[in-house]
Protein backbone atom coordinates (compact mmCIF):
# COMPACT_ATOMS: atom_id res chain seq x y z
CA UNK A 1 100.20 167.45 -68.50
CA UNK A 2 103.51 165.80 -67.55
CA UNK A 3 104.33 162.32 -68.75
CA UNK A 4 104.15 160.81 -65.28
CA UNK A 5 100.52 161.96 -64.96
CA UNK A 6 99.38 160.46 -68.26
CA UNK A 7 97.40 157.26 -67.78
CA UNK A 8 96.78 154.87 -70.66
CA UNK A 9 93.47 153.13 -71.32
CA UNK A 10 94.45 150.02 -69.37
CA UNK A 11 95.44 152.05 -66.32
CA UNK A 12 99.19 152.02 -66.90
CA UNK A 13 101.27 155.16 -66.41
CA UNK A 14 103.33 156.45 -69.32
CA UNK A 15 106.85 157.81 -68.88
CA UNK A 16 108.65 159.70 -71.60
CA UNK A 17 112.21 158.67 -72.39
CA UNK A 18 114.53 160.83 -74.50
CA UNK A 19 117.65 159.12 -75.84
CA UNK A 20 120.62 160.50 -77.76
CA UNK A 21 123.59 158.74 -79.32
CA UNK A 22 126.39 160.78 -80.85
CA UNK A 23 129.94 160.09 -81.94
CA UNK A 24 131.41 163.49 -81.13
CA UNK A 25 134.76 162.84 -82.80
CA UNK A 26 136.87 164.23 -79.89
CA UNK A 27 135.28 167.66 -80.45
CA UNK A 28 134.32 170.13 -77.78
CA UNK A 29 130.55 170.54 -77.38
CA UNK A 30 128.65 173.20 -79.33
CA UNK A 31 127.40 176.31 -77.58
CA UNK A 32 123.83 175.05 -77.33
CA UNK A 33 122.25 171.61 -76.95
CA UNK A 34 118.64 172.72 -76.48
CA UNK A 35 117.33 171.49 -79.83
CA UNK A 36 119.06 168.13 -79.33
CA UNK A 37 117.33 167.69 -75.98
CA UNK A 38 113.96 169.12 -77.11
CA UNK A 39 113.41 170.74 -73.74
CA UNK A 40 110.04 172.21 -74.65
CA UNK A 41 108.50 168.93 -75.83
CA UNK A 42 105.09 167.93 -74.52
CA UNK A 43 104.53 165.81 -72.58
CA UNK A 44 107.69 166.62 -70.64
CA UNK A 45 110.53 164.11 -70.63
CA UNK A 46 110.96 161.96 -67.52
CA UNK A 47 114.34 160.37 -68.26
CA UNK A 48 117.21 161.51 -70.46
CA UNK A 49 119.80 158.91 -71.50
CA UNK A 50 122.78 160.31 -73.42
CA UNK A 51 125.38 158.03 -74.97
CA UNK A 52 128.49 159.60 -76.49
CA UNK A 53 131.39 158.02 -78.32
CA UNK A 54 134.89 159.40 -78.99
CA UNK A 55 134.82 161.93 -76.18
CA UNK A 56 138.29 163.45 -76.03
CA UNK A 57 140.37 160.93 -74.07
CA UNK A 58 143.99 161.92 -74.53
CA UNK A 59 145.88 160.94 -71.34
CA UNK A 60 146.06 164.46 -69.88
CA UNK A 61 142.44 165.24 -70.76
CA UNK A 62 141.19 161.89 -69.49
CA UNK A 63 142.85 162.26 -66.09
CA UNK A 64 141.52 165.81 -65.74
CA UNK A 65 138.01 164.54 -66.53
CA UNK A 66 138.32 162.09 -63.63
CA UNK A 67 138.89 164.98 -61.25
CA UNK A 68 136.12 167.15 -62.68
CA UNK A 69 133.35 166.35 -65.12
CA UNK A 70 134.19 166.55 -68.82
CA UNK A 71 132.99 169.49 -70.91
CA UNK A 72 130.07 167.53 -72.40
CA UNK A 73 128.77 166.56 -68.97
CA UNK A 74 129.10 170.14 -67.77
CA UNK A 75 127.08 171.49 -70.67
CA UNK A 76 124.40 168.81 -70.32
CA UNK A 77 124.02 169.53 -66.60
CA UNK A 78 123.98 173.30 -67.17
CA UNK A 79 121.24 172.83 -69.78
CA UNK A 80 119.07 170.31 -67.94
CA UNK A 81 119.38 171.41 -64.30
CA UNK A 82 117.35 174.65 -64.73
CA UNK A 83 114.54 172.47 -66.11
CA UNK A 84 114.54 170.28 -63.01
CA UNK A 85 116.65 167.36 -64.27
CA UNK A 86 119.31 165.85 -62.04
CA UNK A 87 122.27 163.75 -63.14
CA UNK A 88 121.70 160.33 -61.59
CA UNK A 89 124.85 158.56 -62.76
CA UNK A 90 127.48 158.67 -65.47
CA UNK A 91 130.00 156.04 -66.50
CA UNK A 92 133.06 156.68 -68.61
CA UNK A 93 135.38 154.25 -70.36
CA UNK A 94 137.91 156.29 -72.33
CA UNK A 95 135.91 157.87 -75.16
CA UNK A 96 132.64 156.17 -74.24
CA UNK A 97 130.34 158.16 -71.95
CA UNK A 98 126.87 157.25 -70.73
CA UNK A 99 124.82 159.67 -68.60
CA UNK A 100 121.38 159.31 -67.01
CA UNK A 101 119.26 162.32 -66.01
CA UNK A 102 115.88 162.20 -64.30
CA UNK A 103 113.24 164.51 -62.93
CA UNK A 104 113.67 164.90 -59.18
CA UNK A 105 110.29 163.29 -58.51
CA UNK A 106 111.56 159.99 -59.94
CA UNK A 107 114.88 159.73 -58.08
CA UNK A 108 113.49 157.99 -54.96
CA UNK A 109 112.23 155.22 -57.25
CA UNK A 110 115.42 154.77 -59.28
CA UNK A 111 117.18 152.06 -57.30
CA UNK A 112 119.74 149.25 -57.58
CA UNK A 113 121.91 151.33 -59.88
CA UNK A 114 124.95 149.53 -61.22
CA UNK A 115 127.25 150.17 -64.15
CA UNK A 116 129.86 148.13 -65.94
CA UNK A 117 132.02 148.23 -69.06
CA UNK A 118 133.71 145.99 -71.61
CA UNK A 119 136.77 146.86 -73.65
CA UNK A 120 136.97 145.23 -77.08
CA UNK A 121 140.17 146.95 -78.27
CA UNK A 122 143.00 145.15 -80.01
CA UNK A 123 145.23 145.05 -76.95
CA UNK A 124 144.61 143.48 -73.57
CA UNK A 125 145.20 146.63 -71.59
CA UNK A 126 144.74 146.31 -67.88
CA UNK A 127 141.98 148.41 -66.39
CA UNK A 128 141.06 149.40 -62.87
CA UNK A 129 137.59 150.46 -61.81
CA UNK A 130 137.38 152.89 -58.91
CA UNK A 131 134.08 151.92 -57.35
CA UNK A 132 131.87 154.87 -56.36
CA UNK A 133 131.47 153.56 -52.79
CA UNK A 134 135.22 153.96 -52.31
CA UNK A 135 135.04 157.55 -53.52
CA UNK A 136 132.04 158.35 -51.35
CA UNK A 137 133.66 156.80 -48.29
CA UNK A 138 136.52 159.24 -48.70
CA UNK A 139 134.19 162.21 -48.94
CA UNK A 140 130.71 162.63 -50.39
CA UNK A 141 131.83 165.45 -52.66
CA UNK A 142 134.01 163.12 -54.72
CA UNK A 143 131.48 162.43 -57.46
CA UNK A 144 129.23 159.79 -55.84
CA UNK A 145 127.24 159.64 -59.09
CA UNK A 146 130.21 158.92 -61.34
CA UNK A 147 131.78 155.53 -62.00
CA UNK A 148 135.39 155.97 -63.03
CA UNK A 149 137.26 153.50 -65.21
CA UNK A 150 140.99 154.23 -65.07
CA UNK A 151 143.12 152.90 -67.90
CA UNK A 152 146.84 152.38 -67.60
CA UNK A 153 148.41 153.52 -70.90
CA UNK A 154 145.01 153.59 -72.66
CA UNK A 155 145.07 152.88 -76.40
CA UNK A 156 143.49 155.59 -78.50
CA UNK A 157 140.19 154.81 -80.19
CA UNK A 158 139.54 151.69 -78.14
CA UNK A 159 136.09 150.21 -78.70
CA UNK A 160 133.67 148.48 -76.36
CA UNK A 161 130.53 149.09 -74.36
CA UNK A 162 129.43 150.80 -71.15
CA UNK A 163 126.13 150.07 -69.48
CA UNK A 164 123.94 151.30 -66.67
CA UNK A 165 121.16 149.25 -65.11
CA UNK A 166 118.59 150.28 -62.51
CA UNK A 167 115.16 149.59 -61.17
CA UNK A 168 112.57 152.18 -62.22
CA UNK A 169 109.47 151.93 -60.00
CA UNK A 170 110.37 148.25 -59.62
CA UNK A 171 110.92 147.51 -63.33
CA UNK A 172 114.42 146.49 -64.42
CA UNK A 173 115.93 148.64 -67.19
CA UNK A 174 119.36 148.43 -68.80
CA UNK A 175 121.07 150.83 -71.22
CA UNK A 176 124.09 149.69 -73.23
CA UNK A 177 126.14 152.27 -75.13
CA UNK A 178 128.53 150.67 -77.64
CA UNK A 179 131.23 151.68 -80.06
CA UNK A 180 131.93 148.71 -82.32
CA UNK A 181 134.59 147.95 -84.92
CA UNK A 182 134.75 150.28 -87.93
CA UNK A 183 135.10 149.72 -91.70
CA UNK A 184 132.90 148.06 -94.29
CA UNK A 185 134.31 144.54 -94.12
CA UNK A 186 134.00 143.99 -90.35
CA UNK A 187 130.30 143.14 -90.13
CA UNK A 188 130.81 139.80 -88.40
CA UNK A 189 133.39 141.26 -86.04
CA UNK A 190 130.82 143.83 -84.94
CA UNK A 191 128.37 141.03 -84.21
CA UNK A 192 131.07 139.10 -82.33
CA UNK A 193 131.89 142.19 -80.27
CA UNK A 194 128.24 142.73 -79.37
CA UNK A 195 127.86 139.11 -78.27
CA UNK A 196 131.13 139.31 -76.34
CA UNK A 197 129.90 142.42 -74.51
CA UNK A 198 126.66 140.65 -73.60
CA UNK A 199 128.57 137.60 -72.37
CA UNK A 200 131.07 139.48 -70.23
CA UNK A 201 128.93 142.15 -68.63
CA UNK A 202 127.31 141.12 -65.37
CA UNK A 203 125.72 142.79 -62.37
CA UNK A 204 125.57 141.99 -58.68
CA UNK A 205 121.79 141.63 -58.76
CA UNK A 206 120.34 138.17 -58.17
CA UNK A 207 117.39 138.40 -60.56
CA UNK A 208 119.09 140.38 -63.34
CA UNK A 209 122.76 139.36 -63.39
CA UNK A 210 123.11 139.87 -67.16
CA UNK A 211 122.07 142.52 -69.65
CA UNK A 212 119.38 140.41 -71.31
CA UNK A 213 117.80 139.51 -67.97
CA UNK A 214 116.31 143.01 -67.73
CA UNK A 215 112.73 143.68 -68.67
CA UNK A 216 113.74 146.50 -71.02
CA UNK A 217 117.14 146.78 -72.73
CA UNK A 218 118.31 149.62 -74.96
CA UNK A 219 121.29 148.94 -77.22
CA UNK A 220 122.60 152.04 -78.91
CA UNK A 221 125.72 153.89 -79.98
CA UNK A 222 128.08 154.05 -82.94
CA UNK A 223 127.47 150.46 -83.99
CA UNK A 224 129.38 151.14 -87.22
CA UNK A 225 127.21 149.01 -89.54
CA UNK A 226 127.48 150.16 -93.15
CA UNK A 227 125.46 150.08 -96.36
CA UNK A 228 126.94 147.30 -98.46
CA UNK A 229 127.18 146.79 -102.24
CA UNK A 230 125.52 150.00 -103.44
CA UNK A 231 127.76 152.38 -105.37
CA UNK A 232 128.36 155.96 -104.31
CA UNK A 233 126.19 157.44 -107.07
CA UNK A 234 123.16 155.30 -106.16
CA UNK A 235 123.67 156.00 -102.45
CA UNK A 236 123.79 159.76 -102.84
CA UNK A 237 120.96 159.85 -105.37
CA UNK A 238 118.69 157.85 -103.04
CA UNK A 239 119.58 160.10 -100.09
CA UNK A 240 119.12 163.34 -102.02
CA UNK A 241 115.68 162.20 -103.19
CA UNK A 242 114.64 161.06 -99.70
CA UNK A 243 114.25 157.47 -100.89
CA UNK A 244 115.95 155.93 -97.88
CA UNK A 245 113.93 152.72 -98.20
CA UNK A 246 115.96 151.80 -101.29
CA UNK A 247 119.01 151.40 -99.06
CA UNK A 248 117.50 149.38 -96.23
CA UNK A 249 117.96 145.97 -97.83
CA UNK A 250 121.73 146.52 -97.95
CA UNK A 251 122.10 147.90 -94.43
CA UNK A 252 124.38 145.42 -92.69
CA UNK A 253 122.47 145.43 -89.39
CA UNK A 254 119.11 144.87 -91.10
CA UNK A 255 120.62 142.04 -93.13
CA UNK A 256 122.17 140.43 -90.04
CA UNK A 257 118.83 140.48 -88.22
CA UNK A 258 117.36 138.11 -90.80
CA UNK A 259 119.61 135.27 -89.64
CA UNK A 260 120.73 136.11 -86.10
CA UNK A 261 118.22 135.16 -83.36
CA UNK A 262 119.82 137.46 -80.78
CA UNK A 263 119.35 140.47 -83.07
CA UNK A 264 115.80 139.49 -83.94
CA UNK A 265 114.82 140.13 -80.31
CA UNK A 266 115.70 143.82 -80.75
CA UNK A 267 113.36 146.30 -82.37
CA UNK A 268 114.27 149.44 -84.27
CA UNK A 269 112.23 152.20 -85.82
CA UNK A 270 112.39 152.83 -89.56
CA UNK A 271 115.52 154.57 -90.85
CA UNK A 272 113.53 157.45 -92.31
CA UNK A 273 116.31 159.97 -91.87
CA UNK A 274 119.62 160.69 -93.58
CA UNK A 275 122.51 158.32 -92.92
CA UNK A 276 124.40 159.89 -90.05
CA UNK A 277 127.97 159.28 -91.26
CA UNK A 278 130.22 160.57 -92.79
CA UNK A 279 129.85 164.36 -93.06
CA UNK A 280 132.31 167.17 -93.58
CA UNK A 281 132.48 168.96 -90.27
CA UNK A 282 130.22 171.98 -89.81
CA UNK A 283 128.23 171.09 -92.90
CA UNK A 284 125.42 168.91 -94.19
CA UNK A 285 127.61 167.63 -97.02
CA UNK A 286 128.84 164.06 -97.09
CA UNK A 287 132.56 163.34 -97.18
CA UNK A 288 134.37 165.35 -99.86
CA UNK A 289 137.86 164.27 -98.80
CA UNK A 290 140.02 162.04 -100.92
CA UNK A 291 138.65 159.00 -99.08
CA UNK A 292 135.05 159.78 -100.13
CA UNK A 293 133.67 157.37 -97.56
CA UNK A 294 130.19 156.09 -98.24
CA UNK A 295 127.30 157.41 -96.12
CA UNK A 296 125.92 154.93 -93.57
CA UNK A 297 123.55 154.63 -90.62
CA UNK A 298 126.35 153.90 -88.18
CA UNK A 299 124.52 155.48 -85.22
CA UNK A 300 121.53 153.50 -84.01
CA UNK A 301 119.06 153.02 -81.14
CA UNK A 302 117.44 149.60 -80.67
CA UNK A 303 115.38 148.19 -77.82
CA UNK A 304 114.24 144.84 -76.51
CA UNK A 305 111.34 143.86 -74.27
CA UNK A 306 112.22 140.66 -72.47
CA UNK A 307 110.33 137.76 -74.07
CA UNK A 308 107.88 136.04 -71.77
CA UNK A 309 109.34 132.77 -70.55
CA UNK A 310 107.53 129.55 -71.42
CA UNK A 311 105.95 128.13 -68.26
CA UNK A 312 106.01 124.50 -69.35
CA UNK A 313 109.71 123.91 -68.78
CA UNK A 314 110.44 121.38 -66.07
CA UNK A 315 113.75 122.83 -64.97
CA UNK A 316 113.30 126.01 -62.98
CA UNK A 317 109.54 125.82 -63.40
CA UNK A 318 108.70 127.70 -60.20
CA UNK A 319 111.04 130.57 -61.06
CA UNK A 320 109.72 130.74 -64.59
CA UNK A 321 106.11 130.70 -63.44
CA UNK A 322 106.85 133.48 -60.97
CA UNK A 323 108.45 135.60 -63.68
CA UNK A 324 105.54 134.94 -66.03
CA UNK A 325 103.05 135.93 -63.32
CA UNK A 326 105.00 139.13 -62.72
CA UNK A 327 104.92 139.90 -66.44
CA UNK A 328 101.17 139.33 -66.52
CA UNK A 329 100.52 141.55 -63.50
CA UNK A 330 103.05 144.23 -64.37
CA UNK A 331 103.41 144.26 -68.15
CA UNK A 332 105.56 146.85 -69.89
CA UNK A 333 104.75 148.40 -73.23
CA UNK A 334 107.19 150.45 -75.28
CA UNK A 335 106.25 152.72 -78.16
CA UNK A 336 108.58 154.96 -80.13
CA UNK A 337 107.41 158.49 -80.92
CA UNK A 338 110.47 159.71 -82.81
CA UNK A 339 113.57 158.31 -84.47
CA UNK A 340 115.63 160.88 -86.30
CA UNK A 341 118.93 162.70 -86.56
CA UNK A 342 119.65 166.37 -86.04
CA UNK A 343 121.70 167.53 -89.02
CA UNK A 344 122.12 171.04 -87.60
CA UNK A 345 125.00 169.95 -85.38
CA UNK A 346 128.35 169.89 -87.16
CA UNK A 347 131.15 169.60 -84.60
CA UNK A 348 131.64 165.95 -85.60
CA UNK A 349 131.60 163.93 -88.82
CA UNK A 350 128.60 162.11 -87.31
CA UNK A 351 125.15 163.61 -86.77
CA UNK A 352 123.46 162.91 -83.42
CA UNK A 353 120.56 160.46 -83.42
CA UNK A 354 117.49 161.05 -81.23
CA UNK A 355 114.95 158.50 -80.10
CA UNK A 356 111.93 159.33 -77.94
CA UNK A 357 109.82 156.62 -76.34
CA UNK A 358 106.77 156.12 -74.17
CA UNK A 359 107.28 153.50 -71.48
CA UNK A 360 103.88 152.34 -70.24
CA UNK A 361 103.75 150.35 -67.01
CA UNK A 362 102.20 150.03 -63.57
CA UNK A 363 104.29 151.04 -60.59
CA UNK A 364 105.56 148.10 -58.56
CA UNK A 365 107.09 150.47 -55.99
CA UNK A 366 105.33 153.61 -54.77
CA UNK A 367 106.71 154.30 -51.26
CA UNK A 368 109.99 156.16 -50.64
CA UNK A 369 112.53 154.45 -48.43
CA UNK A 370 113.10 157.48 -46.20
CA UNK A 371 111.04 160.46 -45.03
CA UNK A 372 112.78 163.82 -44.52
CA UNK A 373 111.08 166.65 -42.61
CA UNK A 374 112.40 170.11 -41.76
CA UNK A 375 111.59 171.73 -38.42
CA UNK A 376 110.76 175.40 -37.96
CA UNK A 377 112.17 178.27 -40.00
CA UNK A 378 115.69 178.05 -41.38
CA UNK A 379 118.18 180.92 -41.49
CA UNK A 380 121.77 181.49 -40.44
CA UNK A 381 120.56 183.34 -37.36
CA UNK A 382 120.14 180.03 -35.52
CA UNK A 383 120.88 176.31 -35.84
CA UNK A 384 118.41 174.35 -37.97
CA UNK A 385 116.73 171.02 -37.28
CA UNK A 386 115.39 168.25 -39.48
CA UNK A 387 114.37 164.63 -38.99
CA UNK A 388 114.69 161.53 -41.09
CA UNK A 389 112.77 158.30 -40.71
CA UNK A 390 113.53 154.93 -42.39
CA UNK A 391 110.21 153.81 -43.86
CA UNK A 392 111.28 150.57 -45.53
CA UNK A 393 114.23 148.25 -45.02
CA UNK A 394 117.17 148.87 -47.31
CA UNK A 395 120.95 148.44 -47.08
CA UNK A 396 121.58 151.63 -45.17
CA UNK A 397 125.03 152.62 -43.99
CA UNK A 398 126.73 155.01 -41.60
CA UNK A 399 128.34 156.47 -44.75
CA UNK A 400 124.91 157.71 -45.90
CA UNK A 401 124.53 161.46 -45.81
CA UNK A 402 121.88 164.13 -46.21
CA UNK A 403 122.62 167.11 -48.40
CA UNK A 404 121.12 170.57 -48.55
CA UNK A 405 120.38 171.39 -52.18
CA UNK A 406 119.27 174.61 -53.76
CA UNK A 407 116.40 174.07 -56.24
CA UNK A 408 117.97 173.68 -59.67
CA UNK A 409 120.90 171.58 -58.42
CA UNK A 410 122.72 169.42 -60.97
CA UNK A 411 123.72 166.20 -59.22
CA UNK A 412 124.10 164.52 -55.84
CA UNK A 413 127.47 166.20 -55.35
CA UNK A 414 126.03 169.67 -56.01
CA UNK A 415 125.03 170.31 -52.39
CA UNK A 416 125.46 173.48 -50.31
CA UNK A 417 126.27 171.55 -47.15
CA UNK A 418 125.72 168.03 -45.84
CA UNK A 419 125.34 166.07 -42.62
CA UNK A 420 126.22 162.43 -42.00
CA UNK A 421 123.40 160.20 -40.84
CA UNK A 422 123.49 158.67 -37.38
CA UNK A 423 127.17 157.85 -37.13
CA UNK A 424 127.24 155.24 -34.40
CA UNK A 425 124.65 152.82 -35.79
CA UNK A 426 122.11 152.42 -38.56
CA UNK A 427 118.66 153.76 -37.69
CA UNK A 428 115.83 151.29 -37.13
CA UNK A 429 112.69 151.25 -39.23
CA UNK A 430 110.26 153.86 -37.99
CA UNK A 431 112.82 155.53 -35.75
CA UNK A 432 112.71 159.31 -35.99
CA UNK A 433 116.25 160.68 -35.99
CA UNK A 434 116.78 164.38 -35.37
CA UNK A 435 119.77 166.11 -36.96
CA UNK A 436 121.09 169.57 -36.13
CA UNK A 437 122.69 171.72 -38.81
CA UNK A 438 124.95 174.44 -37.48
CA UNK A 439 123.90 177.94 -38.48
CA UNK A 440 127.47 178.51 -39.70
CA UNK A 441 126.87 175.92 -42.44
CA UNK A 442 123.70 177.51 -43.81
CA UNK A 443 123.56 179.97 -46.72
CA UNK A 444 123.37 183.61 -45.70
CA UNK A 445 121.01 184.43 -48.53
CA UNK A 446 117.44 183.27 -48.83
CA UNK A 447 116.19 180.81 -51.41
CA UNK A 448 114.28 177.62 -52.03
CA UNK A 449 116.01 174.44 -50.94
CA UNK A 450 115.41 170.75 -50.49
CA UNK A 451 117.03 168.05 -48.36
CA UNK A 452 118.16 164.86 -50.11
CA UNK A 453 119.14 161.53 -48.53
CA UNK A 454 122.07 159.92 -50.37
CA UNK A 455 122.58 156.16 -49.99
CA UNK A 456 126.24 155.15 -50.32
CA UNK A 457 125.28 151.56 -51.15
CA UNK A 458 122.65 152.50 -53.72
CA UNK A 459 124.80 155.32 -55.09
CA UNK A 460 121.88 157.68 -55.50
CA UNK A 461 119.56 160.11 -53.76
CA UNK A 462 116.70 157.99 -52.45
CA UNK A 463 114.52 160.59 -50.71
CA UNK A 464 113.76 164.29 -50.64
CA UNK A 465 112.06 166.61 -48.22
CA UNK A 466 109.36 168.94 -49.47
CA UNK A 467 110.88 172.16 -50.82
CA UNK A 468 111.27 174.87 -48.19
CA UNK A 469 112.50 178.45 -47.88
CA UNK A 470 115.68 179.48 -46.14
CA UNK A 471 115.27 183.05 -44.95
CA UNK A 472 117.87 185.72 -45.50
CA UNK A 473 119.83 186.24 -42.31
CA UNK A 474 119.64 189.51 -40.44
CA UNK A 475 123.40 189.86 -40.80
CA UNK A 476 123.17 189.58 -44.59
CA UNK A 477 120.56 192.32 -44.68
CA UNK A 478 122.54 194.59 -42.34
CA UNK A 479 125.81 194.12 -44.23
CA UNK A 480 124.17 194.42 -47.66
CA UNK A 481 125.68 191.21 -48.92
CA UNK A 482 124.99 190.16 -52.52
CA UNK A 483 124.91 186.68 -54.07
CA UNK A 484 128.25 187.00 -55.88
CA UNK A 485 130.01 187.66 -52.57
CA UNK A 486 128.43 184.92 -50.54
CA UNK A 487 126.89 181.97 -52.27
CA UNK A 488 128.70 180.24 -55.10
CA UNK A 489 125.42 178.62 -56.14
CA UNK A 490 124.16 182.08 -57.14
CA UNK A 491 127.08 182.94 -59.37
């Protein structure tokens, strides 16, 4: 049974969330990420959120990654796409990378996607964000699901945070991937950086303009908190004997939470796994270099459910009461199933940390914004027809487009062909618009496909047609054409 079909005792649906944070130390990805992603887990995962730090961001490499996805994104898409997961969005700020994947069934209900970033490096380098709507308006193939942050003379190793927020079936979620200041003695600077990131990041959404306004917030990444005071011998003895609890009272983040109200709002599972830093590469041995750096749980995943507002405040009472009523009618419950690290990966001096969660909630939104319907049989022997109908009001645009996707596609830009929506005006609600696709733009070979409506303003695919077959053309059969010769999607 898939996660989206599981219903809890109080009637709420449960969605499975799989999160990864990993400081990859500028390394290229390993050959296989299947164990990291736990693709065969049951119930199946609904959302994957991957946060990486120290992705290779030398100037030449960084610019090339803006033109085409980086090697980590490529491998993640190649691994997840055959299992039915689609890249919804990714945001990159130098070495920080945050990527969201979802099952296709959820994409029409992932809305109001926005991303932002905060640089906390030592120098005030000027940055320019190339907004996805600008890219899409040039051509839909220019990564509509990728928010680019272009740095002029970027400093190496710059720290900060990147975040993605979106509405998931009407519930507001936010994911914040951070890389904070390093070294043992910078505990308070790490806290200052976190608070600075929270203060400076904002979104163009009236009811959730800031990170902490969201119903669910995940804060994760290489937070760089260390284990203070304990000597190396005690540290390694406790780790080797699996007595991790002996180290918790000196973990800097745990200690900070005792006195910092903002941190007390965040929850974290028990650190019942090996400290994730610092390892010799391609080994499970802690640092044997001359530095002999102490092991630490630098890589963490924390979450926060928005506290219910008190409804007895005079100022803003109506807004508060409305929010409280919404929380009562549509409560959200978060439970963590797993919190661990995977020591088998050795490309970096950090081990990746995995967190899996069950998000229990009632759907606030259940109707797609658009309906897509194919007409008749499709093949390259004749022009094809389909219709689209706007079911609910949204900020549609003449830059919206409808792509033809082969089942197993990786992202919104991974289409076979596309057609612009009605180009002279925005369609009215309930209006059935018929679109013709020239036979010359259809694949010669047969296969299973789906149509997807991409909203330029929402920066995501907001509707899909039912899957349908495209028949092999008579010409392909006569000429004996094979996939490698015709359809790049088959290669």
